[in-house]
Structures are given as C-alpha cells and as structure tokens.
Amino acid sequence: MSNVVVLDNGGGLIKAGQGGERNPAVVIPNCLYRPLSSKKFIHPTTTLSSTNEDLTSAAIRRPIDRGYLINPDLQRDIWSHLFNSLLHVTPPSSSLLLTEPLFSLPSIQRSTDELVFEDFGFNSLYVADSPSLVHLYEASRRPDGLISEAGCSLVVDCGFSFTHAAPVFQNCTLNYGVKRIDLGGKALTNYLKELVSYRSINVMDETFLMDDVKEKLCFVSLDVERDLQIARKHGQDNLFRCTYVLPDGVSHTKGYVKDPESAQRHLTLTDGSVETKKETDQLEVMEKTERKRVDLTKNEFDLTNERFLVPEMIFQPADLGMNEAGLAECIVRAVNSCHPYLHPVLYQSIILTGGSALFPQFVERLEKDLRPLVPEDYQVNITTQEDPILGVWRGGSLLASSPEFNSMCVTKAEYEELGSARCRKRFFH
C-alpha cells in the first residue's frame, strides 16, 4: 500500500484516499453540521445524501469560503477526524498530496503549510492545482488521443465556489491564461433557495435539501426563450412542472421527487419548436385570470422555470446583474490569452470537470454558445470526465504513484529550515 495520502480539499466535498488507488476511500462534505436534534456540531462520516438522518434546517460551518481557506482551526478539526477516524493514517510516516485553488494568497498558503507540517507532522508535502491533475488523468486514459500527443488542453472546472477555464501545457497550468467566473455550485443553490422562497415556501435555511433539489431536477436549457413560454403553460402542456415533496420527519427524513418520470419529460424537447405570437398572447390572458395559489398546508412545492433558470446563471451571469462574462466567452478569453499556435488544439481538447458539469444538456449548451465565438476553421470538441467529481482526485492518485513523486515533494526538514515561502517556490512551474 502506498504511504501517500491524496487529499482533494474542495469547498464542497473532501475526497481522500491512498495514492495509486482508482477511487478515494472517503468522500465527505467539507463542513460540520448541526441538525435540530443535536446540541453540538457533528462530523459527517459519509456524503449527506446517503444518510437517513433528518437534516431539516441543519446549521452548517464551512472552513472554506469563496474557494479559499478562512478558518484553519475548523479545517484542522475536520482533517483530524478524517485522518484518525476515517482513513486511519499516521501522518509522520506519510506524504501528503494536497490540491489548492489557483491564485491562493501567501497568507493562506502559510496557514496550510502550518496545518500540514506543524499540526499533523506529515513527512512531506506536494501541492497541486486541479487543472493540471485533470489533464494528467485524461492524458493517461487516452495515450493516443490529442490531449496526450499535443500535451495541452483547456480544463473547465465548474466547482463549488467558482468556475475556472484554465489552459494546461505540458502538465503545467498557464496562470496568465486562467479566467474565472465567481459562480459555483454554492451560488446556484443559494439562487434556487431565493426563487423557491419567493414563490412557494421559505427554504432559506434548507441548504442540504435544496442541494438535493438542484441535483435531481435542474437542467440546462438549449433555448431559454422557448422554454420560458412552455413553463407558463398549464396542465400537461407544461413539460417542466414537477413536484418535490419535503421531508416530514416521521415517515421520511429525506425529500423526494413526486413523479420522477414526468420530471424527465423536458428531455423529449428538440431544439426547434417555437411558440407563435397568438399562443403567447393567449398564455398572458390565462396567466392573469387563473394564477395558481400556493397551498401551504401541503408539504411540497412545484418547480417550473426555476429548473433551468438556476444553471442558466453560469452561461448568463449578466441576467443576475453580475458584471461578468458567461462560460463560453470566458473560455474564448482564456484561449486568446495563450500563444496563437495553441488556439486550435485548446478548442479541440476542452475537458469539463466539477459537480456543475453533471447538469443534463450542459455540454450541448456550451457547444451551442461557443461555436459562434470560435473561428470557423477551428473544431470545437468538449469532453466531460467520466466522473467529474472524482476526476481531480484520480489525477492526484496517478501522480502520487509515479516514480518521481518523492523528488517533487517538500520535506518537513526543508520546511523547518527554509520556511513556507521558500518551499512554495518549488511548486511554481
């Protein structure tokens, strides 16, 4: 067994395990939570979607905010539980491969190094960024593919805290080409909470519940104007209306979709059906005369256009009043920051990773938005990782099992002699 611990310390989930394995041994939320039934904060021992615990209105404390470590003491507490109770590793005889967000501040890097070497006493440390690990894993999966032969790709990481478009060349992330949208899975969940609270029932405290709603029911629209018209229809003509039943704390402690089959009806839509002006006018009259009243006695709520308006934020942040480019424009800007010789290869080797890439129709919509912005003689090829949530960890596991890994690490002795700032220079390519 390898004595390298690979730790993908995400803002939403921690993925941890031994280097050389295919899958992480532990995937847990990077937080402490306190259910209403408890007086103290509890460590998650598994992903919260797979527990039977009632998480209604559970309070949450996270060590990472907007992608960066803001509470090292809380992170120490979570890691201590992870290493001692879940992974059962002895840090002094182990190396640590840790992922860190791009452009992390020196003060945060110093706090991380203190955690690793002074609090846990790891033997050695290697710090990697997510895009280079994703590139490494995809290149090793297809040794004869373009990514491997050209040694270059554009990694689009739609994570919990933000979305990055990062060019990678020869396994090194080109920092000057990285572009970022300050929107991630957390912002999408918060937006869904606001929409549902305004229209149906107050769910502002139901983070875990609304995460579940987002993952099960949201999808990316291929034609927003058409879908907004369909969402205004009544009865069976509205392909998007579906009902989510809230937990009652007695017969079921988890929320669920009332009719999963009808929730999938939107997938039957093709890219072409458009409403006529007359139908639109009729809809407006119906909307005014028979607006549906929300029945607050029922333990459920309906979703219609929220299902596609929430992921739409990634493609059109300006609709929310954010002064930022959408994902397609972000990718074009990232590519244009690189040498012109790399442009055709980067457009042909776009890799999608991160939890938000799991939304249905995400790739099709991104390709539709990207194609008009890219020169005609360039091909656009977008691939999603087989498991976008575990892709970064698998790349780290691969790197940890390589023969030269030990020579790339900073040892505890070097850290004590040279300090954090000098040691960090080894990780700058």
Protein backbone atom coordinates (compact mmCIF):
# COMPACT_ATOMS: atom_id res chain seq x y z
CA MET A 1 0.00 0.00 0.00
CA SER A 2 1.22 3.48 -0.88
CA ASN A 3 2.03 5.77 2.04
CA VAL A 4 0.98 8.87 0.08
CA VAL A 5 -2.31 10.40 1.19
CA VAL A 6 -4.07 12.16 -1.70
CA LEU A 7 -6.40 14.90 -0.45
CA ASP A 8 -8.62 16.90 -2.82
CA ASN A 9 -9.75 19.55 -0.35
CA GLY A 10 -12.73 21.09 -2.14
CA GLY A 11 -15.03 23.80 -0.83
CA GLY A 12 -17.99 21.41 -1.02
CA LEU A 13 -16.56 17.88 -0.73
CA ILE A 14 -13.33 16.37 0.58
CA LYS A 15 -12.08 13.43 -1.48
CA ALA A 16 -9.32 11.48 0.29
CA GLY A 17 -7.54 8.15 -0.09
CA GLN A 18 -4.24 6.37 -0.75
CA GLY A 19 -2.17 7.23 -3.83
CA GLY A 20 -2.32 4.57 -6.56
CA GLU A 21 -5.95 3.61 -5.90
CA ARG A 22 -8.61 4.21 -8.56
CA ASN A 23 -11.22 5.75 -6.22
CA PRO A 24 -10.94 7.71 -2.98
CA ALA A 25 -11.63 5.79 0.22
CA VAL A 26 -13.57 8.71 1.71
CA VAL A 27 -15.85 11.34 0.15
CA ILE A 28 -17.38 13.63 2.77
CA PRO A 29 -18.70 17.22 2.86
CA ASN A 30 -16.03 19.72 3.94
CA CYS A 31 -18.08 21.08 6.84
CA LEU A 32 -19.50 20.46 10.28
CA TYR A 33 -23.27 20.38 10.63
CA ARG A 34 -25.76 20.56 13.48
CA PRO A 35 -29.22 19.02 12.99
CA LEU A 36 -32.12 20.41 15.02
CA SER A 37 -32.00 17.25 17.15
CA SER A 38 -28.40 17.90 18.27
CA LYS A 39 -26.83 20.50 20.55
CA LYS A 40 -23.35 20.32 19.04
CA PHE A 41 -21.80 20.27 15.59
CA ILE A 42 -21.24 16.81 14.11
CA HIS A 43 -18.62 15.43 11.70
CA PRO A 44 -20.11 13.90 8.53
CA THR A 45 -18.98 10.30 8.08
CA THR A 46 -20.41 9.90 4.57
CA THR A 47 -21.98 12.04 1.87
CA LEU A 48 -25.06 13.55 3.47
CA SER A 49 -27.34 12.46 0.60
CA SER A 50 -26.74 8.81 1.59
CA THR A 51 -27.56 9.19 5.32
CA ASN A 52 -31.03 8.67 6.78
CA GLU A 53 -30.57 11.50 9.26
CA ASP A 54 -33.11 14.33 9.30
CA LEU A 55 -31.13 17.35 8.07
CA THR A 56 -34.05 19.79 8.02
CA SER A 57 -32.80 23.29 8.91
CA ALA A 58 -29.37 21.92 9.88
CA ALA A 59 -26.80 24.62 10.65
CA ILE A 60 -23.52 24.39 8.71
CA ARG A 61 -19.98 25.63 9.36
CA ARG A 62 -17.52 25.56 6.45
CA PRO A 63 -13.75 26.22 6.67
CA ILE A 64 -13.63 27.34 3.02
CA ASP A 65 -15.48 30.39 1.72
CA ARG A 66 -15.43 31.59 -1.90
CA GLY A 67 -12.81 28.95 -2.61
CA TYR A 68 -10.23 29.93 -0.01
CA LEU A 69 -9.41 28.67 3.48
CA ILE A 70 -10.73 31.20 6.01
CA ASN A 71 -10.94 29.06 9.15
CA PRO A 72 -7.78 26.93 9.66
CA ASP A 73 -8.93 25.80 13.13
CA LEU A 74 -12.12 24.31 11.72
CA GLN A 75 -10.17 22.71 8.85
CA ARG A 76 -7.77 21.18 11.40
CA ASP A 77 -10.74 19.69 13.26
CA ILE A 78 -12.19 18.18 10.04
CA TRP A 79 -8.81 16.81 8.87
CA SER A 80 -8.09 15.34 12.31
CA HIS A 81 -11.36 13.39 12.17
CA LEU A 82 -10.60 12.38 8.57
CA PHE A 83 -7.05 11.10 9.19
CA ASN A 84 -7.71 9.42 12.55
CA SER A 85 -11.26 8.04 12.32
CA LEU A 86 -11.90 7.52 8.59
CA LEU A 87 -8.57 6.97 6.80
CA HIS A 88 -6.60 5.63 9.81
CA VAL A 89 -3.25 7.03 8.64
CA THR A 90 -0.22 8.08 10.69
CA PRO A 91 0.90 11.46 9.26
CA PRO A 92 4.58 11.33 10.42
CA SER A 93 5.19 8.27 8.22
CA SER A 94 3.10 9.53 5.27
CA SER A 95 3.44 12.05 2.45
CA LEU A 96 0.54 14.34 1.53
CA LEU A 97 -0.55 15.39 -1.96
CA LEU A 98 -2.90 18.33 -1.47
CA THR A 99 -4.94 20.26 -4.03
CA GLU A 100 -5.16 24.01 -3.63
CA PRO A 101 -7.19 26.57 -5.61
CA LEU A 102 -5.41 28.70 -8.20
CA PHE A 103 -4.06 32.09 -7.06
CA SER A 104 -4.18 31.24 -3.36
CA LEU A 105 -2.85 34.09 -1.18
CA PRO A 106 0.56 33.67 0.51
CA SER A 107 -1.01 34.03 3.97
CA ILE A 108 -3.44 31.17 3.19
CA GLN A 109 -0.57 29.04 1.83
CA ARG A 110 1.34 29.67 5.06
CA SER A 111 -1.68 28.56 7.16
CA THR A 112 -1.99 25.40 5.05
CA ASP A 113 1.72 24.57 5.48
CA GLU A 114 1.44 25.06 9.23
CA LEU A 115 -1.51 22.67 9.34
CA VAL A 116 0.32 20.02 7.33
CA PHE A 117 3.77 20.16 8.97
CA GLU A 118 3.26 21.62 12.45
CA ASP A 119 -0.19 20.38 13.48
CA PHE A 120 -0.21 16.97 11.76
CA GLY A 121 3.53 16.45 11.23
CA PHE A 122 3.39 14.96 7.72
CA ASN A 123 6.69 13.67 6.40
CA SER A 124 6.49 15.61 3.11
CA LEU A 125 4.04 17.68 1.05
CA TYR A 126 3.26 18.29 -2.59
CA VAL A 127 0.74 20.98 -3.54
CA ALA A 128 -1.01 20.68 -6.93
CA ASP A 129 -3.72 22.66 -8.68
CA SER A 130 -6.85 20.96 -10.04
CA PRO A 131 -6.45 21.65 -13.81
CA SER A 132 -3.01 20.01 -14.09
CA LEU A 133 -4.27 16.86 -12.30
CA VAL A 134 -7.34 16.66 -14.55
CA HIS A 135 -5.10 16.99 -17.63
CA LEU A 136 -2.72 14.31 -16.31
CA TYR A 137 -5.57 11.85 -15.72
CA GLU A 138 -7.23 12.44 -19.10
CA ALA A 139 -3.90 12.17 -20.94
CA SER A 140 -3.14 8.84 -19.23
CA ARG A 141 -6.62 7.48 -20.03
CA ARG A 142 -6.13 8.08 -23.77
CA PRO A 143 -2.41 7.75 -24.54
CA ASP A 144 -3.07 8.01 -28.30
CA GLY A 145 -5.52 10.92 -28.03
CA LEU A 146 -4.98 14.57 -28.88
CA ILE A 147 -4.60 15.64 -25.23
CA SER A 148 -1.75 13.20 -24.69
CA GLU A 149 0.02 13.78 -28.02
CA ALA A 150 -0.25 17.59 -28.00
CA GLY A 151 0.40 17.77 -24.25
CA CYS A 152 -2.14 20.55 -23.98
CA SER A 153 -5.80 21.02 -23.00
CA LEU A 154 -8.28 23.55 -21.66
CA VAL A 155 -9.75 22.43 -18.34
CA VAL A 156 -13.12 23.95 -17.40
CA ASP A 157 -13.68 23.31 -13.69
CA CYS A 158 -17.24 24.12 -12.58
CA GLY A 159 -16.73 23.70 -8.84
CA PHE A 160 -18.47 24.53 -5.58
CA SER A 161 -17.05 28.03 -5.15
CA PHE A 162 -16.26 29.22 -8.65
CA THR A 163 -15.77 28.23 -12.29
CA HIS A 164 -12.32 28.27 -13.91
CA ALA A 165 -11.23 27.98 -17.53
CA ALA A 166 -7.55 27.02 -17.31
CA PRO A 167 -5.18 26.20 -20.20
CA VAL A 168 -2.72 23.42 -19.36
CA PHE A 169 0.51 22.88 -21.33
CA GLN A 170 2.98 20.05 -20.63
CA ASN A 171 1.21 19.32 -17.32
CA CYS A 172 1.60 22.91 -16.12
CA THR A 173 -1.31 25.31 -15.73
CA LEU A 174 -0.65 28.54 -17.66
CA ASN A 175 -1.55 31.02 -14.92
CA TYR A 176 -1.62 34.01 -17.27
CA GLY A 177 -4.36 32.30 -19.32
CA VAL A 178 -6.66 31.29 -16.44
CA LYS A 179 -10.06 33.01 -16.38
CA ARG A 180 -12.57 32.77 -13.58
CA ILE A 181 -16.31 33.28 -13.06
CA ASP A 182 -17.24 33.90 -9.42
CA LEU A 183 -20.13 31.44 -9.61
CA GLY A 184 -20.18 27.85 -8.46
CA GLY A 185 -22.48 25.19 -7.08
CA LYS A 186 -22.96 27.09 -3.81
CA ALA A 187 -24.21 30.23 -5.59
CA LEU A 188 -26.58 28.14 -7.72
CA THR A 189 -28.09 26.51 -4.63
CA ASN A 190 -28.49 29.91 -2.95
CA TYR A 191 -30.24 31.30 -6.04
CA LEU A 192 -32.61 28.30 -6.11
CA LYS A 193 -33.35 28.87 -2.40
CA GLU A 194 -34.26 32.50 -3.13
CA LEU A 195 -36.53 31.60 -6.07
CA VAL A 196 -38.41 28.89 -4.19
CA SER A 197 -38.69 31.01 -1.02
CA TYR A 198 -40.15 33.91 -3.01
CA ARG A 199 -42.63 31.82 -4.99
CA SER A 200 -43.67 28.95 -2.71
CA ILE A 201 -42.31 28.21 0.73
CA ASN A 202 -39.45 29.55 2.85
CA VAL A 203 -36.43 27.26 2.35
CA MET A 204 -33.61 29.73 3.08
CA ASP A 205 -32.27 27.51 5.90
CA GLU A 206 -32.55 24.25 3.94
CA THR A 207 -29.11 24.05 2.31
CA PHE A 208 -28.84 20.24 2.13
CA LEU A 209 -32.42 19.88 0.94
CA MET A 210 -32.06 22.44 -1.86
CA ASP A 211 -28.76 20.87 -2.92
CA ASP A 212 -30.74 17.66 -3.44
CA VAL A 213 -33.45 19.53 -5.41
CA LYS A 214 -30.81 21.15 -7.63
CA GLU A 215 -29.03 17.85 -8.34
CA LYS A 216 -32.22 15.92 -9.10
CA LEU A 217 -34.33 18.45 -11.01
CA CYS A 218 -32.24 21.23 -12.56
CA PHE A 219 -31.05 21.05 -16.17
CA VAL A 220 -29.53 23.36 -18.77
CA SER A 221 -31.88 24.87 -21.35
CA LEU A 222 -30.92 24.78 -25.04
CA ASP A 223 -33.39 27.57 -25.90
CA VAL A 224 -34.29 29.78 -22.92
CA GLU A 225 -36.97 31.91 -24.63
CA ARG A 226 -38.86 28.87 -25.89
CA ASP A 227 -38.61 27.12 -22.51
CA LEU A 228 -39.87 30.20 -20.65
CA GLN A 229 -43.01 30.13 -22.84
CA ILE A 230 -43.54 26.40 -22.21
CA ALA A 231 -43.08 26.95 -18.45
CA ARG A 232 -46.08 29.34 -18.47
CA LYS A 233 -48.48 26.73 -19.85
CA HIS A 234 -50.98 24.88 -17.67
CA GLY A 235 -51.61 21.20 -17.07
CA GLN A 236 -49.96 18.56 -19.24
CA ASP A 237 -48.67 21.14 -21.75
CA ASN A 238 -46.14 22.36 -19.18
CA LEU A 239 -43.29 19.87 -19.62
CA PHE A 240 -41.27 21.37 -16.77
CA ARG A 241 -43.70 21.35 -13.85
CA CYS A 242 -42.76 18.80 -11.23
CA THR A 243 -43.39 18.46 -7.51
CA TYR A 244 -40.79 17.98 -4.80
CA VAL A 245 -42.07 16.54 -1.51
CA LEU A 246 -40.40 17.85 1.64
CA PRO A 247 -39.40 15.53 4.50
CA ASP A 248 -41.98 15.29 7.28
CA GLY A 249 -39.57 13.94 9.90
CA VAL A 250 -41.81 10.93 10.58
CA SER A 251 -42.41 8.66 7.58
CA HIS A 252 -39.48 10.01 5.55
CA THR A 253 -36.49 12.11 6.59
CA LYS A 254 -35.39 12.83 3.01
CA GLY A 255 -37.14 14.90 0.36
CA TYR A 256 -38.05 13.21 -2.93
CA VAL A 257 -39.45 13.93 -6.41
CA LYS A 258 -43.17 13.07 -6.53
CA ASP A 259 -43.29 11.75 -10.10
CA PRO A 260 -39.74 11.09 -11.39
CA GLU A 261 -40.96 10.08 -14.87
CA SER A 262 -42.84 13.32 -15.51
CA ALA A 263 -39.80 15.24 -14.22
CA GLN A 264 -37.85 13.84 -17.20
CA ARG A 265 -40.38 14.96 -19.85
CA HIS A 266 -38.28 18.01 -20.79
CA LEU A 267 -35.70 15.69 -22.38
CA THR A 268 -38.21 14.93 -25.18
CA LEU A 269 -37.96 18.55 -26.42
CA THR A 270 -36.00 19.05 -29.61
CA ASP A 271 -34.06 22.22 -30.36
CA GLY A 272 -36.61 23.60 -32.82
CA SER A 273 -40.20 24.04 -31.54
CA VAL A 274 -41.12 27.74 -31.21
CA GLU A 275 -44.29 29.45 -29.94
CA THR A 276 -46.38 31.71 -32.16
CA LYS A 277 -47.31 35.25 -31.14
CA LYS A 278 -51.01 34.31 -30.84
CA GLU A 279 -50.31 31.47 -28.40
CA THR A 280 -48.12 33.78 -26.32
CA ASP A 281 -50.92 36.37 -26.04
CA GLN A 282 -53.40 33.66 -25.00
CA LEU A 283 -50.95 32.48 -22.33
CA GLU A 284 -50.70 36.01 -20.93
CA VAL A 285 -54.50 36.23 -20.60
CA MET A 286 -54.67 32.82 -18.86
CA GLU A 287 -51.81 33.82 -16.56
CA LYS A 288 -53.75 36.89 -15.39
CA THR A 289 -57.07 35.09 -14.88
CA GLU A 290 -56.07 31.85 -13.18
CA ARG A 291 -52.76 32.28 -11.37
CA LYS A 292 -52.18 29.20 -9.23
CA ARG A 293 -52.29 29.79 -5.48
CA VAL A 294 -49.69 28.00 -3.37
CA ASP A 295 -51.23 25.61 -0.86
CA LEU A 296 -49.05 25.98 2.24
CA THR A 297 -50.84 23.14 4.07
CA LYS A 298 -49.21 20.61 1.74
CA ASN A 299 -45.67 19.51 2.50
CA GLU A 300 -44.45 20.06 -1.08
CA PHE A 301 -43.72 22.69 -3.71
CA ASP A 302 -43.81 22.91 -7.50
CA LEU A 303 -40.90 23.85 -9.74
CA THR A 304 -41.26 25.12 -13.31
CA ASN A 305 -38.84 27.59 -14.89
CA GLU A 306 -36.55 27.51 -11.81
CA ARG A 307 -35.29 24.18 -13.10
CA PHE A 308 -33.41 25.78 -16.00
CA LEU A 309 -33.03 29.39 -14.78
CA VAL A 310 -30.66 28.31 -11.98
CA PRO A 311 -27.97 26.65 -14.18
CA GLU A 312 -28.51 29.47 -16.70
CA MET A 313 -26.50 31.70 -14.32
CA ILE A 314 -23.27 30.04 -15.44
CA PHE A 315 -23.96 30.92 -19.07
CA GLN A 316 -25.50 34.38 -18.50
CA PRO A 317 -24.28 35.94 -15.19
CA ALA A 318 -25.35 39.36 -16.54
CA ASP A 319 -29.01 38.33 -16.10
CA LEU A 320 -28.40 38.47 -12.34
CA GLY A 321 -26.72 41.85 -12.58
CA MET A 322 -23.19 40.38 -12.29
CA ASN A 323 -20.62 42.21 -14.37
CA GLU A 324 -19.00 39.01 -15.64
CA ALA A 325 -18.73 37.09 -18.89
CA GLY A 326 -20.63 33.84 -19.41
CA LEU A 327 -18.85 30.49 -19.60
CA ALA A 328 -18.46 30.43 -23.42
CA GLU A 329 -16.92 33.92 -23.51
CA CYS A 330 -14.73 33.01 -20.53
CA ILE A 331 -13.31 30.04 -22.48
CA VAL A 332 -12.62 32.22 -25.55
CA ARG A 333 -10.79 34.77 -23.39
CA ALA A 334 -8.70 32.03 -21.76
CA VAL A 335 -7.70 30.63 -25.17
CA ASN A 336 -6.92 34.09 -26.58
CA SER A 337 -4.54 34.71 -23.67
CA CYS A 338 -2.33 31.88 -24.96
CA HIS A 339 0.04 31.68 -27.95
CA PRO A 340 -1.86 31.60 -31.30
CA TYR A 341 -0.26 28.23 -32.16
CA LEU A 342 -2.12 26.68 -29.21
CA HIS A 343 -5.60 28.02 -30.11
CA PRO A 344 -6.79 25.20 -32.43
CA VAL A 345 -5.54 22.49 -30.05
CA LEU A 346 -7.14 24.09 -26.99
CA TYR A 347 -10.56 24.35 -28.67
CA GLN A 348 -10.28 20.69 -29.68
CA SER A 349 -9.41 19.48 -26.19
CA ILE A 350 -11.82 21.13 -23.74
CA ILE A 351 -12.28 18.99 -20.62
CA LEU A 352 -15.26 19.56 -18.30
CA THR A 353 -14.91 18.69 -14.62
CA GLY A 354 -16.59 19.66 -11.34
CA GLY A 355 -20.06 18.92 -9.97
CA SER A 356 -21.95 21.50 -12.06
CA ALA A 357 -20.84 19.72 -15.25
CA LEU A 358 -23.32 16.98 -14.28
CA PHE A 359 -26.37 19.10 -15.23
CA PRO A 360 -28.20 17.43 -18.16
CA GLN A 361 -27.53 19.09 -21.56
CA PHE A 362 -24.57 21.09 -20.17
CA VAL A 363 -22.19 20.05 -22.97
CA GLU A 364 -24.73 20.66 -25.75
CA ARG A 365 -25.50 24.16 -24.48
CA LEU A 366 -21.82 25.06 -24.05
CA GLU A 367 -21.07 23.86 -27.59
CA LYS A 368 -24.03 25.85 -28.94
CA ASP A 369 -22.82 29.05 -27.20
CA LEU A 370 -19.16 28.51 -28.05
CA ARG A 371 -19.45 27.70 -31.75
CA PRO A 372 -20.39 31.26 -32.93
CA LEU A 373 -17.46 32.74 -30.93
CA VAL A 374 -14.80 30.42 -32.37
CA PRO A 375 -13.25 30.89 -35.85
CA GLU A 376 -14.95 28.67 -38.44
CA ASP A 377 -11.83 26.72 -39.36
CA TYR A 378 -11.31 25.54 -35.74
CA GLN A 379 -13.03 22.42 -34.47
CA VAL A 380 -14.67 22.52 -31.03
CA ASN A 381 -14.56 19.29 -29.04
CA ILE A 382 -15.84 19.16 -25.45
CA THR A 383 -15.48 16.04 -23.30
CA THR A 384 -16.84 15.55 -19.79
CA GLN A 385 -14.84 13.43 -17.38
CA GLU A 386 -16.35 10.03 -16.63
CA ASP A 387 -16.81 11.17 -13.03
CA PRO A 388 -16.44 14.98 -12.86
CA ILE A 389 -16.46 14.99 -9.04
CA LEU A 390 -13.65 12.43 -8.61
CA GLY A 391 -11.57 13.41 -11.68
CA VAL A 392 -9.15 15.69 -9.80
CA TRP A 393 -8.55 13.09 -7.08
CA ARG A 394 -7.84 10.37 -9.64
CA GLY A 395 -5.25 12.61 -11.29
CA GLY A 396 -3.64 13.14 -7.89
CA SER A 397 -3.64 9.41 -7.21
CA LEU A 398 -1.90 8.83 -10.54
CA LEU A 399 0.75 11.47 -9.78
CA ALA A 400 1.32 10.09 -6.26
CA SER A 401 2.09 6.64 -7.68
CA SER A 402 4.66 7.94 -10.21
CA PRO A 403 8.35 7.13 -9.51
CA GLU A 404 9.49 10.78 -9.41
CA PHE A 405 6.82 11.90 -6.92
CA ASN A 406 9.10 11.83 -3.86
CA SER A 407 11.67 14.10 -5.53
CA MET A 408 8.93 16.69 -6.22
CA CYS A 409 7.84 16.97 -2.57
CA VAL A 410 8.97 19.40 0.12
CA THR A 411 10.09 17.52 3.24
CA LYS A 412 9.40 18.54 6.82
CA ALA A 413 13.12 19.20 7.36
CA GLU A 414 13.23 21.58 4.37
CA TYR A 415 10.15 23.40 5.65
CA GLU A 416 11.70 23.83 9.11
CA GLU A 417 14.98 25.07 7.62
CA LEU A 418 13.72 27.34 4.81
CA GLY A 419 10.18 28.32 5.83
CA SER A 420 6.93 28.29 3.89
CA ALA A 421 7.65 30.95 1.23
CA ARG A 422 10.94 29.40 0.03
CA CYS A 423 9.47 25.89 -0.09
CA ARG A 424 6.46 27.07 -2.09
CA LYS A 425 8.71 28.17 -4.95
CA ARG A 426 9.20 24.52 -5.81
CA PHE A 427 5.53 24.25 -6.81
CA PHE A 428 5.68 27.24 -9.19
CA HIS A 429 6.38 25.94 -12.66
